[in-house]
Amino acid sequence: MPGLEPPTTPGLRRLGLSSAIALVVANMIGTGVFTTSGLVLKDLGRPGWVLLAWLAAGVIAMCGALSYGALARLLPESGGEYYFLRETVHPLAGFLVGWISLLAGFTAPIAVAALGLQAYLAPVLGEKVREEWIGTAAICLAALMHGFRLRHGVWAQNGAVALKLLLISGFIAYGAFRLPGRGIPGPTDAPAFEIDAFAVSMVLIYFSYSGWNAAVYVAGEVRDPQRNLHRSLWMATSLVTILYLALNAVFLYAAPAQQLSGEVEIGAIAAEALGGTALRGAVNLLVALALFTSISAMVMAGPRVYARMAEDGLFPRPFSSRHDVPTPAIALQAGLAILVVWFSELKQLLGYVGFTLGLSAAATVCGLIFLRRRLGPERAPVPGYPWIPGLFVLGTLWAASFMVIRKPFEAGIGLLTVAAGVPFYWIFKWRTRITSSEP
């Protein structure tokens, strides 16, 4: 029965609880929190509704983190959703979410972070450097950090995350000191509250929370996984949710709503309103650090999925792990993300990623429900069952349904991504069968 055997990779478990938390935090705090609220404000019109959407998405993410934590205690191996669904539902289901991880789970989010990095650093560097080269350089640097030795990349990652949290906390404290007495800006000329606009806003915001599951991708490298994996998920998600609400409160009330509505660089605009051009420049550098650590964390985590698929014969064999890091898979991940940086736009990617990852996570939590029914509550305990996993699945699908109505292009591309994986699954199965039958 899956998940009841001891971990199979004890020699590779070198990540402690703090490193797992840092990985989750680095994945979560990236492009979304510094770019999304201006776009959402244009649709919702009122800062209060925007904050409510961030809170609602945070609650959904916490339900997901608790559900994934229960799965990670039962199945403490690397591979993320691919491994979970392979064990709980069917290898095809696992392959499809692994396919999603390759395109929407990591390639597109890395590109989104790189595009955000370009938007914030381009004014600092001037017109001498073409914007796409900024994102390309960041992705290549992250690949070099994690492509050869696990330990060195983890040390750099943990230090950068600690610095990022310190600087964000400092900005929030400064904003809390400056905001009183400034007055609350009035709403834009927006219609009354619309449930479908709120749901689509949650999908866009969900991208900012999407890294809450990051630790499960390196589960096979975490020490004492039955104890540390689920703790890293809910502790990091709680911390980031609090930071998101505080940071967006500063952003949304630092300047008039009309000035922020529809703007991608909402963090920089808010900083300039609070402290002038000097603070805007400092926040640009803070955002650059946050986005780079997000790129770094995803470059570290994502290739573990493809390496696991390669080991199972569902991805080309050369991309399996070698030594302590999956170097070929990391090179593939970096190359695909760079292609997206040069040929895509930020706003379209946000909706596509949020929608597709939501479906993938909902399917994974459904796998947890199937596993609990199979094993029973004593052997598969799930916190708050059935309410917590049920709320996550229903909340995610509810928001996704409105995305199909309001943003059919992004939703359609997401569904096509899933469908495109089916023929590749059978191709890899056929090749594996042929290879195994050869003398």
Protein backbone atom coordinates (compact mmCIF):
# COMPACT_ATOMS: atom_id res chain seq x y z
CA MET A 1 0.00 0.00 0.00
CA PRO A 2 1.54 3.37 -0.99
CA GLY A 3 2.86 5.69 1.65
CA LEU A 4 3.18 3.13 4.46
CA GLU A 5 6.74 2.11 3.68
CA PRO A 6 9.72 4.04 5.07
CA PRO A 7 11.36 6.62 2.80
CA THR A 8 13.52 5.04 0.13
CA THR A 9 16.18 7.74 -0.12
CA PRO A 10 17.57 8.24 3.43
CA GLY A 11 21.07 9.05 2.20
CA LEU A 12 19.87 12.06 0.22
CA ARG A 13 17.94 13.73 3.05
CA ARG A 14 19.99 16.84 3.81
CA LEU A 15 17.33 19.56 4.00
CA GLY A 16 16.12 20.50 7.48
CA LEU A 17 12.90 22.23 8.53
CA SER A 18 14.34 25.74 8.13
CA SER A 19 15.54 25.00 4.58
CA ALA A 20 12.15 23.53 3.65
CA ILE A 21 10.38 26.62 5.03
CA ALA A 22 12.80 28.89 3.17
CA LEU A 23 12.10 27.02 -0.07
CA VAL A 24 8.33 27.48 0.34
CA VAL A 25 8.66 31.16 1.27
CA ALA A 26 10.99 31.82 -1.66
CA ASN A 27 8.56 30.14 -4.07
CA MET A 28 5.59 32.08 -2.75
CA ILE A 29 6.97 35.61 -2.42
CA GLY A 30 7.71 36.46 -6.02
CA THR A 31 6.13 38.40 -8.83
CA GLY A 32 2.49 38.20 -7.81
CA VAL A 33 2.46 40.22 -4.61
CA PHE A 34 4.33 43.11 -6.26
CA THR A 35 2.34 43.19 -9.51
CA THR A 36 -1.14 41.68 -9.11
CA SER A 37 -3.02 44.11 -6.86
CA GLY A 38 -2.94 46.96 -9.39
CA LEU A 39 -4.49 44.69 -12.04
CA VAL A 40 -7.08 43.36 -9.58
CA LEU A 41 -7.93 46.88 -8.35
CA LYS A 42 -8.91 47.80 -11.90
CA ASP A 43 -11.54 45.02 -11.87
CA LEU A 44 -12.80 45.34 -8.28
CA GLY A 45 -12.45 49.11 -7.88
CA ARG A 46 -12.08 49.22 -4.08
CA PRO A 47 -8.95 48.47 -2.04
CA GLY A 48 -11.07 46.70 0.57
CA TRP A 49 -12.37 44.18 -1.97
CA VAL A 50 -8.81 43.56 -3.15
CA LEU A 51 -7.66 42.79 0.41
CA LEU A 52 -10.65 40.49 0.88
CA ALA A 53 -9.64 38.60 -2.27
CA TRP A 54 -6.10 38.21 -0.90
CA LEU A 55 -7.50 36.89 2.38
CA ALA A 56 -9.86 34.45 0.64
CA ALA A 57 -7.03 33.13 -1.55
CA GLY A 58 -4.86 32.77 1.56
CA VAL A 59 -7.53 30.67 3.29
CA ILE A 60 -7.75 28.41 0.22
CA ALA A 61 -3.96 28.11 0.13
CA MET A 62 -3.87 27.16 3.83
CA CYS A 63 -6.46 24.43 3.22
CA GLY A 64 -4.28 23.19 0.39
CA ALA A 65 -1.15 23.26 2.56
CA LEU A 66 -2.84 21.22 5.30
CA SER A 67 -4.12 18.72 2.74
CA TYR A 68 -0.74 18.37 1.03
CA GLY A 69 0.85 17.99 4.45
CA ALA A 70 -1.33 14.94 5.08
CA LEU A 71 -0.29 13.51 1.72
CA ALA A 72 3.38 14.22 2.39
CA ARG A 73 3.26 12.25 5.65
CA LEU A 74 1.97 9.23 3.72
CA LEU A 75 4.10 9.66 0.59
CA PRO A 76 7.36 11.36 1.64
CA GLU A 77 9.21 11.20 -1.69
CA SER A 78 10.18 13.83 -4.28
CA GLY A 79 7.99 14.45 -7.31
CA GLY A 80 5.17 16.65 -6.03
CA GLU A 81 1.77 16.25 -7.65
CA TYR A 82 3.16 13.81 -10.19
CA TYR A 83 4.20 11.36 -7.48
CA PHE A 84 1.05 11.92 -5.39
CA LEU A 85 -1.42 11.30 -8.21
CA ARG A 86 0.60 8.42 -9.61
CA GLU A 87 0.23 6.66 -6.27
CA THR A 88 -3.31 7.68 -5.35
CA VAL A 89 -5.23 7.74 -8.66
CA HIS A 90 -3.47 6.46 -11.81
CA PRO A 91 -0.09 6.89 -13.56
CA LEU A 92 -1.82 8.86 -16.35
CA ALA A 93 -3.16 11.38 -13.81
CA GLY A 94 0.33 11.67 -12.35
CA PHE A 95 1.89 12.20 -15.76
CA LEU A 96 -0.60 14.93 -16.68
CA VAL A 97 0.14 17.00 -13.59
CA GLY A 98 3.84 16.40 -14.18
CA TRP A 99 3.32 17.69 -17.72
CA ILE A 100 1.52 20.70 -16.23
CA SER A 101 4.47 21.23 -13.88
CA LEU A 102 6.84 21.36 -16.84
CA LEU A 103 4.83 24.01 -18.72
CA ALA A 104 2.54 25.85 -16.29
CA GLY A 105 3.86 24.78 -12.91
CA PHE A 106 7.41 26.03 -13.24
CA THR A 107 8.34 27.19 -16.74
CA ALA A 108 5.64 29.86 -16.92
CA PRO A 109 5.99 31.02 -13.27
CA ILE A 110 9.79 31.33 -13.66
CA ALA A 111 9.16 33.43 -16.76
CA VAL A 112 6.57 35.53 -14.89
CA ALA A 113 9.11 36.22 -12.13
CA ALA A 114 11.74 37.10 -14.73
CA LEU A 115 9.32 39.45 -16.53
CA GLY A 116 8.50 41.12 -13.23
CA LEU A 117 12.22 41.45 -12.51
CA GLN A 118 12.66 43.15 -15.86
CA ALA A 119 9.83 45.61 -15.16
CA TYR A 120 11.37 46.68 -11.84
CA LEU A 121 15.06 46.72 -12.84
CA ALA A 122 14.77 48.22 -16.32
CA PRO A 123 14.29 51.80 -14.98
CA VAL A 124 17.35 51.34 -12.74
CA LEU A 125 19.60 50.00 -15.51
CA GLY A 126 18.36 52.39 -18.17
CA GLU A 127 18.00 51.78 -21.90
CA LYS A 128 21.51 50.36 -22.36
CA VAL A 129 20.30 46.82 -21.56
CA ARG A 130 17.39 45.20 -23.38
CA GLU A 131 14.82 44.04 -20.81
CA GLU A 132 14.76 40.39 -21.89
CA TRP A 133 18.46 40.03 -21.09
CA ILE A 134 17.74 40.91 -17.45
CA GLY A 135 15.36 37.98 -17.03
CA THR A 136 17.63 35.68 -19.03
CA ALA A 137 20.62 36.49 -16.83
CA ALA A 138 18.61 35.87 -13.64
CA ILE A 139 17.44 32.44 -14.85
CA CYS A 140 20.95 31.43 -15.91
CA LEU A 141 22.40 32.50 -12.55
CA ALA A 142 19.77 30.46 -10.68
CA ALA A 143 20.53 27.43 -12.86
CA LEU A 144 24.24 27.73 -12.08
CA MET A 145 23.50 28.01 -8.34
CA HIS A 146 21.49 24.78 -8.21
CA GLY A 147 22.84 22.82 -11.17
CA PHE A 148 25.93 21.27 -9.63
CA ARG A 149 25.89 21.00 -5.82
CA LEU A 150 22.83 20.97 -3.54
CA ARG A 151 24.49 22.36 -0.42
CA HIS A 152 25.93 25.56 -1.93
CA GLY A 153 22.66 26.49 -3.60
CA VAL A 154 20.70 25.89 -0.39
CA TRP A 155 23.00 28.12 1.65
CA ALA A 156 22.68 30.96 -0.83
CA GLN A 157 18.92 30.45 -1.01
CA ASN A 158 18.40 30.51 2.76
CA GLY A 159 20.49 33.64 3.21
CA ALA A 160 18.67 35.50 0.44
CA VAL A 161 15.26 34.51 1.85
CA ALA A 162 16.21 35.74 5.33
CA LEU A 163 17.33 39.07 3.88
CA LYS A 164 14.14 39.30 1.81
CA LEU A 165 11.90 38.76 4.84
CA LEU A 166 13.85 41.33 6.85
CA LEU A 167 13.55 43.99 4.15
CA ILE A 168 9.85 43.33 3.51
CA SER A 169 9.12 43.56 7.24
CA GLY A 170 11.03 46.83 7.36
CA PHE A 171 9.01 48.26 4.48
CA ILE A 172 5.74 47.21 6.11
CA ALA A 173 6.80 48.86 9.39
CA TYR A 174 7.73 52.06 7.56
CA GLY A 175 4.44 52.05 5.69
CA ALA A 176 2.47 51.51 8.90
CA PHE A 177 4.24 54.55 10.37
CA ARG A 178 3.60 56.74 7.32
CA LEU A 179 0.01 55.77 6.44
CA PRO A 180 -1.90 57.18 9.47
CA GLY A 181 -3.23 60.65 8.71
CA ARG A 182 -2.82 60.32 4.96
CA GLY A 183 -6.49 59.51 4.49
CA ILE A 184 -8.00 56.55 2.72
CA PRO A 185 -8.09 57.02 -1.04
CA GLY A 186 -11.45 56.89 -2.71
CA PRO A 187 -12.47 54.09 -5.05
CA THR A 188 -12.07 54.21 -8.78
CA ASP A 189 -15.12 54.57 -11.02
CA ALA A 190 -15.96 50.88 -10.67
CA PRO A 191 -19.30 49.07 -10.70
CA ALA A 192 -20.79 47.49 -7.61
CA PHE A 193 -19.32 44.27 -6.27
CA GLU A 194 -19.51 41.48 -8.88
CA ILE A 195 -19.02 37.88 -7.78
CA ASP A 196 -17.55 36.78 -11.12
CA ALA A 197 -14.97 39.59 -11.09
CA PHE A 198 -14.07 38.65 -7.51
CA ALA A 199 -13.63 34.99 -8.50
CA VAL A 200 -11.36 35.84 -11.44
CA SER A 201 -9.36 38.13 -9.14
CA MET A 202 -8.86 35.21 -6.78
CA VAL A 203 -7.46 33.14 -9.66
CA LEU A 204 -4.96 35.90 -10.48
CA ILE A 205 -4.05 36.26 -6.80
CA TYR A 206 -3.79 32.50 -6.36
CA PHE A 207 -0.67 32.62 -8.51
CA SER A 208 1.00 34.58 -5.69
CA TYR A 209 0.21 31.76 -3.25
CA SER A 210 1.04 28.94 -5.65
CA GLY A 211 4.39 28.13 -4.05
CA TRP A 212 2.77 26.90 -0.81
CA ASN A 213 3.36 23.32 -2.00
CA ALA A 214 7.05 23.77 -2.90
CA ALA A 215 8.51 21.50 -0.23
CA VAL A 216 6.77 18.40 -1.63
CA TYR A 217 8.84 18.63 -4.81
CA VAL A 218 12.03 17.96 -2.81
CA ALA A 219 10.37 15.67 -0.24
CA GLY A 220 12.92 12.94 -0.89
CA GLU A 221 15.68 15.30 0.29
CA VAL A 222 14.02 16.53 3.53
CA ARG A 223 15.13 15.05 6.86
CA ASP A 224 12.44 13.43 9.02
CA PRO A 225 9.80 14.06 6.31
CA GLN A 226 6.79 12.77 8.27
CA ARG A 227 7.44 15.55 10.78
CA ASN A 228 9.06 18.35 8.79
CA LEU A 229 7.19 18.35 5.47
CA HIS A 230 3.72 19.21 6.73
CA ARG A 231 5.13 21.69 9.25
CA SER A 232 7.08 23.53 6.56
CA LEU A 233 3.94 23.85 4.41
CA TRP A 234 1.54 25.30 6.97
CA MET A 235 4.14 27.40 8.80
CA ALA A 236 5.41 29.04 5.62
CA THR A 237 1.90 29.55 4.24
CA SER A 238 0.74 31.22 7.47
CA LEU A 239 3.76 33.53 7.50
CA VAL A 240 3.39 34.53 3.86
CA THR A 241 -0.38 35.11 4.14
CA ILE A 242 0.19 37.58 6.99
CA LEU A 243 2.96 39.33 5.06
CA TYR A 244 0.80 39.52 1.93
CA LEU A 245 -2.11 41.16 3.73
CA ALA A 246 0.14 43.68 5.47
CA LEU A 247 2.15 44.46 2.34
CA ASN A 248 -0.95 44.93 0.16
CA ALA A 249 -2.56 47.16 2.78
CA VAL A 250 0.48 49.43 2.48
CA PHE A 251 0.41 49.29 -1.32
CA LEU A 252 -3.33 49.94 -1.70
CA TYR A 253 -3.59 52.81 0.77
CA ALA A 254 -0.33 54.59 -0.01
CA ALA A 255 -1.74 56.41 -3.04
CA PRO A 256 -5.13 57.20 -4.60
CA ALA A 257 -6.80 54.16 -6.11
CA GLN A 258 -7.00 55.89 -9.49
CA GLN A 259 -3.19 56.14 -9.54
CA LEU A 260 -2.74 52.43 -8.73
CA SER A 261 -5.53 50.91 -10.83
CA GLY A 262 -4.25 48.73 -13.66
CA GLU A 263 -0.59 49.33 -12.85
CA VAL A 264 1.86 46.42 -12.78
CA GLU A 265 4.51 48.23 -10.70
CA ILE A 266 2.14 48.92 -7.79
CA GLY A 267 4.89 48.37 -5.21
CA ALA A 268 7.17 50.96 -6.76
CA ILE A 269 4.33 53.48 -7.15
CA ALA A 270 3.27 53.03 -3.53
CA ALA A 271 6.87 53.39 -2.33
CA GLU A 272 7.30 56.67 -4.21
CA ALA A 273 4.08 57.99 -2.70
CA LEU A 274 5.32 57.13 0.79
CA GLY A 275 8.98 58.13 0.60
CA GLY A 276 9.82 59.69 -2.75
CA THR A 277 12.13 58.45 -5.48
CA ALA A 278 14.75 57.20 -3.01
CA LEU A 279 12.30 54.75 -1.43
CA ARG A 280 11.05 53.74 -4.87
CA GLY A 281 14.59 52.86 -5.88
CA ALA A 282 15.09 50.88 -2.68
CA VAL A 283 11.84 48.97 -3.23
CA ASN A 284 12.87 48.22 -6.81
CA LEU A 285 15.97 46.51 -5.44
CA LEU A 286 13.89 44.70 -2.77
CA VAL A 287 11.52 43.43 -5.43
CA ALA A 288 14.47 42.35 -7.55
CA LEU A 289 15.81 40.30 -4.63
CA ALA A 290 12.38 38.79 -3.97
CA LEU A 291 11.89 37.87 -7.60
CA PHE A 292 15.34 36.36 -7.95
CA THR A 293 14.89 34.15 -4.89
CA SER A 294 11.56 33.03 -6.35
CA ILE A 295 13.27 32.16 -9.65
CA SER A 296 16.00 30.36 -7.73
CA ALA A 297 13.56 28.32 -5.66
CA MET A 298 11.54 27.23 -8.69
CA VAL A 299 14.67 26.31 -10.64
CA MET A 300 15.65 24.16 -7.65
CA ALA A 301 12.25 22.49 -7.11
CA GLY A 302 10.71 21.99 -10.55
CA PRO A 303 13.38 19.78 -12.16
CA ARG A 304 12.94 17.23 -9.35
CA VAL A 305 9.54 16.41 -10.88
CA TYR A 306 10.94 15.76 -14.36
CA ALA A 307 13.84 13.76 -12.91
CA ARG A 308 11.36 11.54 -11.06
CA MET A 309 9.31 11.10 -14.24
CA ALA A 310 12.47 10.17 -16.16
CA GLU A 311 13.33 7.55 -13.54
CA ASP A 312 9.83 6.08 -14.01
CA GLY A 313 10.21 5.96 -17.80
CA LEU A 314 7.67 8.75 -18.44
CA PHE A 315 10.21 11.33 -19.54
CA PRO A 316 13.46 10.98 -21.54
CA ARG A 317 15.94 9.00 -19.45
CA PRO A 318 18.82 11.53 -19.75
CA PHE A 319 16.87 13.93 -17.51
CA SER A 320 17.01 11.64 -14.46
CA SER A 321 19.05 12.74 -11.42
CA ARG A 322 22.81 12.44 -11.45
CA HIS A 323 24.75 12.60 -8.21
CA ASP A 324 22.83 14.90 -5.81
CA VAL A 325 21.16 17.26 -8.32
CA PRO A 326 19.17 16.72 -11.56
CA THR A 327 21.54 18.82 -13.69
CA PRO A 328 20.05 17.97 -17.13
CA ALA A 329 16.51 18.69 -15.90
CA ILE A 330 17.65 22.03 -14.45
CA ALA A 331 19.21 22.96 -17.80
CA LEU A 332 15.96 22.03 -19.57
CA GLN A 333 13.92 24.08 -17.10
CA ALA A 334 16.11 27.14 -17.55
CA GLY A 335 16.03 26.90 -21.34
CA LEU A 336 12.25 26.63 -21.55
CA ALA A 337 11.74 29.55 -19.13
CA ILE A 338 14.09 31.75 -21.17
CA LEU A 339 12.08 31.01 -24.32
CA VAL A 340 8.88 32.10 -22.58
CA VAL A 341 10.56 35.30 -21.34
CA TRP A 342 11.32 36.34 -24.90
CA PHE A 343 7.92 35.50 -26.40
CA SER A 344 5.21 36.12 -23.75
CA GLU A 345 3.49 38.88 -21.81
CA LEU A 346 3.05 39.12 -18.04
CA LYS A 347 -0.72 39.60 -17.71
CA GLN A 348 -1.68 36.65 -19.92
CA LEU A 349 0.75 34.38 -18.07
CA LEU A 350 -0.73 35.27 -14.66
CA GLY A 351 -4.21 34.07 -15.60
CA TYR A 352 -2.96 30.96 -17.41
CA VAL A 353 -0.72 29.88 -14.53
CA GLY A 354 -3.28 30.56 -11.81
CA PHE A 355 -6.01 28.61 -13.62
CA THR A 356 -3.87 25.61 -14.61
CA LEU A 357 -2.13 25.22 -11.26
CA GLY A 358 -5.47 25.46 -9.47
CA LEU A 359 -6.81 22.50 -11.45
CA SER A 360 -3.63 20.51 -10.77
CA ALA A 361 -3.76 21.15 -7.02
CA ALA A 362 -7.50 20.36 -6.83
CA ALA A 363 -6.90 17.02 -8.58
CA THR A 364 -4.11 16.23 -6.11
CA VAL A 365 -6.31 16.89 -3.08
CA CYS A 366 -8.99 14.69 -4.65
CA GLY A 367 -6.29 12.01 -4.71
CA LEU A 368 -5.86 12.50 -0.96
CA ILE A 369 -9.61 11.94 -0.48
CA PHE A 370 -9.43 8.72 -2.54
CA LEU A 371 -6.45 7.52 -0.50
CA ARG A 372 -8.20 8.18 2.80
CA ARG A 373 -11.27 6.26 1.64
CA ARG A 374 -9.01 3.36 0.67
CA LEU A 375 -6.88 3.27 3.83
CA GLY A 376 -9.36 4.56 6.40
CA PRO A 377 -9.07 7.49 8.84
CA GLU A 378 -6.70 5.70 11.23
CA ARG A 379 -4.05 5.01 8.60
CA ALA A 380 -4.59 8.25 6.62
CA PRO A 381 -5.40 11.08 9.07
CA VAL A 382 -6.35 14.39 7.44
CA PRO A 383 -6.78 17.55 9.58
CA GLY A 384 -10.30 18.96 9.48
CA TYR A 385 -11.58 16.22 7.19
CA PRO A 386 -13.77 16.59 5.14
CA TRP A 387 -14.11 20.35 5.48
CA ILE A 388 -10.51 21.47 4.83
CA PRO A 389 -9.83 19.38 1.70
CA GLY A 390 -13.42 19.90 0.54
CA LEU A 391 -13.15 23.69 0.89
CA PHE A 392 -9.92 23.69 -1.07
CA VAL A 393 -11.32 21.64 -3.96
CA LEU A 394 -14.64 23.46 -4.14
CA GLY A 395 -13.09 26.92 -3.73
CA THR A 396 -10.51 26.26 -6.42
CA LEU A 397 -13.02 24.86 -8.91
CA TRP A 398 -15.50 27.67 -8.15
CA ALA A 399 -12.94 30.33 -9.03
CA ALA A 400 -11.75 28.34 -12.08
CA SER A 401 -15.30 28.13 -13.46
CA PHE A 402 -15.58 31.92 -13.51
CA MET A 403 -12.16 32.09 -15.14
CA VAL A 404 -13.54 30.04 -18.03
CA ILE A 405 -16.38 32.55 -18.43
CA ARG A 406 -14.44 35.80 -17.97
CA LYS A 407 -11.03 34.82 -19.38
CA PRO A 408 -11.76 32.07 -21.93
CA PHE A 409 -8.45 32.46 -23.80
CA GLU A 410 -6.22 31.87 -20.75
CA ALA A 411 -8.50 29.07 -19.49
CA GLY A 412 -8.58 27.48 -22.94
CA ILE A 413 -4.78 27.45 -23.17
CA GLY A 414 -4.69 25.82 -19.74
CA LEU A 415 -7.10 23.06 -20.79
CA LEU A 416 -5.17 22.54 -24.02
CA THR A 417 -1.99 22.13 -21.96
CA VAL A 418 -3.62 19.28 -20.05
CA ALA A 419 -5.02 17.62 -23.19
CA ALA A 420 -1.69 17.86 -25.01
CA GLY A 421 -0.09 15.67 -22.35
CA VAL A 422 -2.26 12.60 -23.10
CA PRO A 423 -0.54 11.52 -26.36
CA PHE A 424 2.89 12.08 -24.82
CA TYR A 425 1.98 9.74 -21.95
CA TRP A 426 1.19 6.90 -24.35
CA ILE A 427 4.31 7.62 -26.41
CA PHE A 428 6.52 7.36 -23.33
CA LYS A 429 4.68 4.22 -22.18
CA TRP A 430 5.18 2.63 -25.60
CA ARG A 431 8.88 3.49 -25.69
CA THR A 432 9.38 2.14 -22.16
CA ARG A 433 7.63 -1.10 -23.11
CA ILE A 434 9.80 -1.47 -26.23
CA THR A 435 12.99 -0.74 -24.30
CA SER A 436 12.19 -3.18 -21.51
CA SER A 437 11.44 -5.97 -24.02
CA GLU A 438 14.77 -5.63 -25.81
CA PRO A 439 17.36 -8.31 -24.96
